[in-house]
Amino acid sequence: MKYRYDLRDQVVEVAINDDAPIAIARDALGRRVFKRNRTHTTSRGGAR
């Protein structure tokens, strides 16, 4: 498993194997706003 980090040391991508990375996007406060793999996107909406 490979992890890629941004300048804030937050995970932005996880690769379980070389052909299927999972992308993670964060807002300005570092909260995850979506997670996307090859076939699905999971979003978090609104403040909690």
N, C-alpha and C. Protein backbone atom coordinates (compact mmCIF):
# COMPACT_ATOMS: atom_id res chain seq x y z
N MET A 1 0.84 -1.16 0.00
CA MET A 1 0.00 0.00 0.00
C MET A 1 0.90 1.24 0.00
N LYS A 2 0.56 2.20 -0.85
CA LYS A 2 1.34 3.43 -0.95
C LYS A 2 0.45 4.63 -0.62
N TYR A 3 1.03 5.59 0.07
CA TYR A 3 0.32 6.81 0.44
C TYR A 3 1.02 8.01 -0.18
N ARG A 4 0.25 9.00 -0.61
CA ARG A 4 0.81 10.26 -1.09
C ARG A 4 0.24 11.38 -0.22
N TYR A 5 1.10 12.31 0.17
CA TYR A 5 0.72 13.37 1.10
C TYR A 5 0.86 14.74 0.43
N ASP A 6 0.08 15.71 0.93
CA ASP A 6 0.22 17.08 0.45
C ASP A 6 1.21 17.84 1.33
N LEU A 7 1.32 19.14 1.13
CA LEU A 7 2.28 19.95 1.89
C LEU A 7 1.93 20.06 3.37
N ARG A 8 0.70 19.76 3.73
CA ARG A 8 0.27 19.77 5.14
C ARG A 8 0.38 18.39 5.79
N ASP A 9 1.02 17.45 5.10
CA ASP A 9 1.17 16.07 5.56
C ASP A 9 -0.17 15.36 5.74
N GLN A 10 -1.13 15.69 4.89
CA GLN A 10 -2.41 15.01 4.89
C GLN A 10 -2.45 14.07 3.70
N VAL A 11 -3.04 12.91 3.89
CA VAL A 11 -3.13 11.92 2.82
C VAL A 11 -4.02 12.46 1.70
N VAL A 12 -3.52 12.43 0.46
CA VAL A 12 -4.31 12.86 -0.69
C VAL A 12 -4.55 11.72 -1.67
N GLU A 13 -3.81 10.62 -1.52
CA GLU A 13 -4.02 9.47 -2.39
C GLU A 13 -3.52 8.21 -1.70
N VAL A 14 -4.28 7.13 -1.89
CA VAL A 14 -3.90 5.82 -1.37
C VAL A 14 -3.93 4.86 -2.55
N ALA A 15 -2.86 4.12 -2.75
CA ALA A 15 -2.81 3.13 -3.82
C ALA A 15 -2.68 1.76 -3.19
N ILE A 16 -3.74 0.96 -3.31
CA ILE A 16 -3.71 -0.39 -2.78
C ILE A 16 -2.89 -1.27 -3.70
N ASN A 17 -3.05 -1.05 -5.00
CA ASN A 17 -2.15 -1.63 -5.98
C ASN A 17 -1.91 -0.55 -7.03
N ASP A 18 -1.02 -0.78 -7.94
CA ASP A 18 -0.59 0.28 -8.86
C ASP A 18 -1.67 0.81 -9.79
N ASP A 19 -2.72 0.04 -10.05
CA ASP A 19 -3.70 0.50 -11.03
C ASP A 19 -5.01 0.99 -10.43
N ALA A 20 -5.13 1.10 -9.13
CA ALA A 20 -6.40 1.52 -8.53
C ALA A 20 -6.20 2.51 -7.39
N PRO A 21 -5.71 3.73 -7.66
CA PRO A 21 -5.52 4.70 -6.57
C PRO A 21 -6.86 5.26 -6.09
N ILE A 22 -6.90 5.66 -4.83
CA ILE A 22 -8.06 6.33 -4.24
C ILE A 22 -7.63 7.76 -3.96
N ALA A 23 -8.31 8.73 -4.60
CA ALA A 23 -7.98 10.15 -4.42
C ALA A 23 -8.83 10.72 -3.29
N ILE A 24 -8.23 11.58 -2.49
CA ILE A 24 -8.92 12.22 -1.37
C ILE A 24 -8.72 13.72 -1.50
N ALA A 25 -9.83 14.47 -1.50
CA ALA A 25 -9.76 15.94 -1.57
C ALA A 25 -10.18 16.52 -0.23
N ARG A 26 -9.54 17.60 0.15
CA ARG A 26 -9.82 18.25 1.43
C ARG A 26 -10.12 19.73 1.21
N ASP A 27 -10.90 20.30 2.14
CA ASP A 27 -11.19 21.73 2.07
C ASP A 27 -10.07 22.50 2.75
N ALA A 28 -10.21 23.82 2.85
CA ALA A 28 -9.16 24.68 3.41
C ALA A 28 -8.86 24.39 4.87
N LEU A 29 -9.82 23.79 5.59
CA LEU A 29 -9.62 23.46 7.00
C LEU A 29 -9.09 22.03 7.20
N GLY A 30 -8.85 21.31 6.10
CA GLY A 30 -8.30 19.97 6.19
C GLY A 30 -9.33 18.87 6.31
N ARG A 31 -10.61 19.20 6.19
CA ARG A 31 -11.66 18.19 6.27
C ARG A 31 -11.82 17.51 4.93
N ARG A 32 -12.02 16.20 4.95
CA ARG A 32 -12.20 15.46 3.70
C ARG A 32 -13.53 15.84 3.08
N VAL A 33 -13.51 16.24 1.80
CA VAL A 33 -14.74 16.60 1.11
C VAL A 33 -15.18 15.55 0.11
N PHE A 34 -14.24 14.77 -0.42
CA PHE A 34 -14.64 13.60 -1.19
C PHE A 34 -13.50 12.60 -1.27
N LYS A 35 -13.91 11.38 -1.58
CA LYS A 35 -12.98 10.28 -1.79
C LYS A 35 -13.42 9.62 -3.09
N ARG A 36 -12.47 9.41 -4.01
CA ARG A 36 -12.84 8.88 -5.32
C ARG A 36 -11.92 7.74 -5.71
N ASN A 37 -12.52 6.65 -6.18
CA ASN A 37 -11.74 5.59 -6.79
C ASN A 37 -12.17 5.48 -8.24
N ARG A 38 -11.79 4.44 -8.90
CA ARG A 38 -12.06 4.32 -10.33
C ARG A 38 -13.55 4.32 -10.66
N THR A 39 -14.39 3.77 -9.77
CA THR A 39 -15.81 3.61 -10.09
C THR A 39 -16.77 4.40 -9.20
N HIS A 40 -16.33 4.93 -8.07
CA HIS A 40 -17.22 5.60 -7.13
C HIS A 40 -16.61 6.90 -6.59
N THR A 41 -17.50 7.84 -6.27
CA THR A 41 -17.10 9.06 -5.55
C THR A 41 -17.99 9.19 -4.33
N THR A 42 -17.38 9.38 -3.17
CA THR A 42 -18.11 9.56 -1.93
C THR A 42 -17.88 10.99 -1.47
N SER A 43 -18.97 11.74 -1.29
CA SER A 43 -18.88 13.14 -0.88
C SER A 43 -19.38 13.33 0.53
N ARG A 44 -18.86 14.34 1.18
CA ARG A 44 -19.38 14.78 2.48
C ARG A 44 -19.98 16.14 2.26
N GLY A 45 -21.24 16.30 2.58
CA GLY A 45 -21.89 17.58 2.34
C GLY A 45 -22.19 18.32 3.63
N GLY A 46 -21.99 19.63 3.60
CA GLY A 46 -22.35 20.49 4.72
C GLY A 46 -21.48 20.33 5.94
N ALA A 47 -21.68 21.23 6.88
CA ALA A 47 -20.93 21.20 8.14
C ALA A 47 -21.63 20.27 9.12
N ARG A 48 -20.85 19.63 9.96
CA ARG A 48 -21.42 18.74 10.97
C ARG A 48 -21.17 19.28 12.32
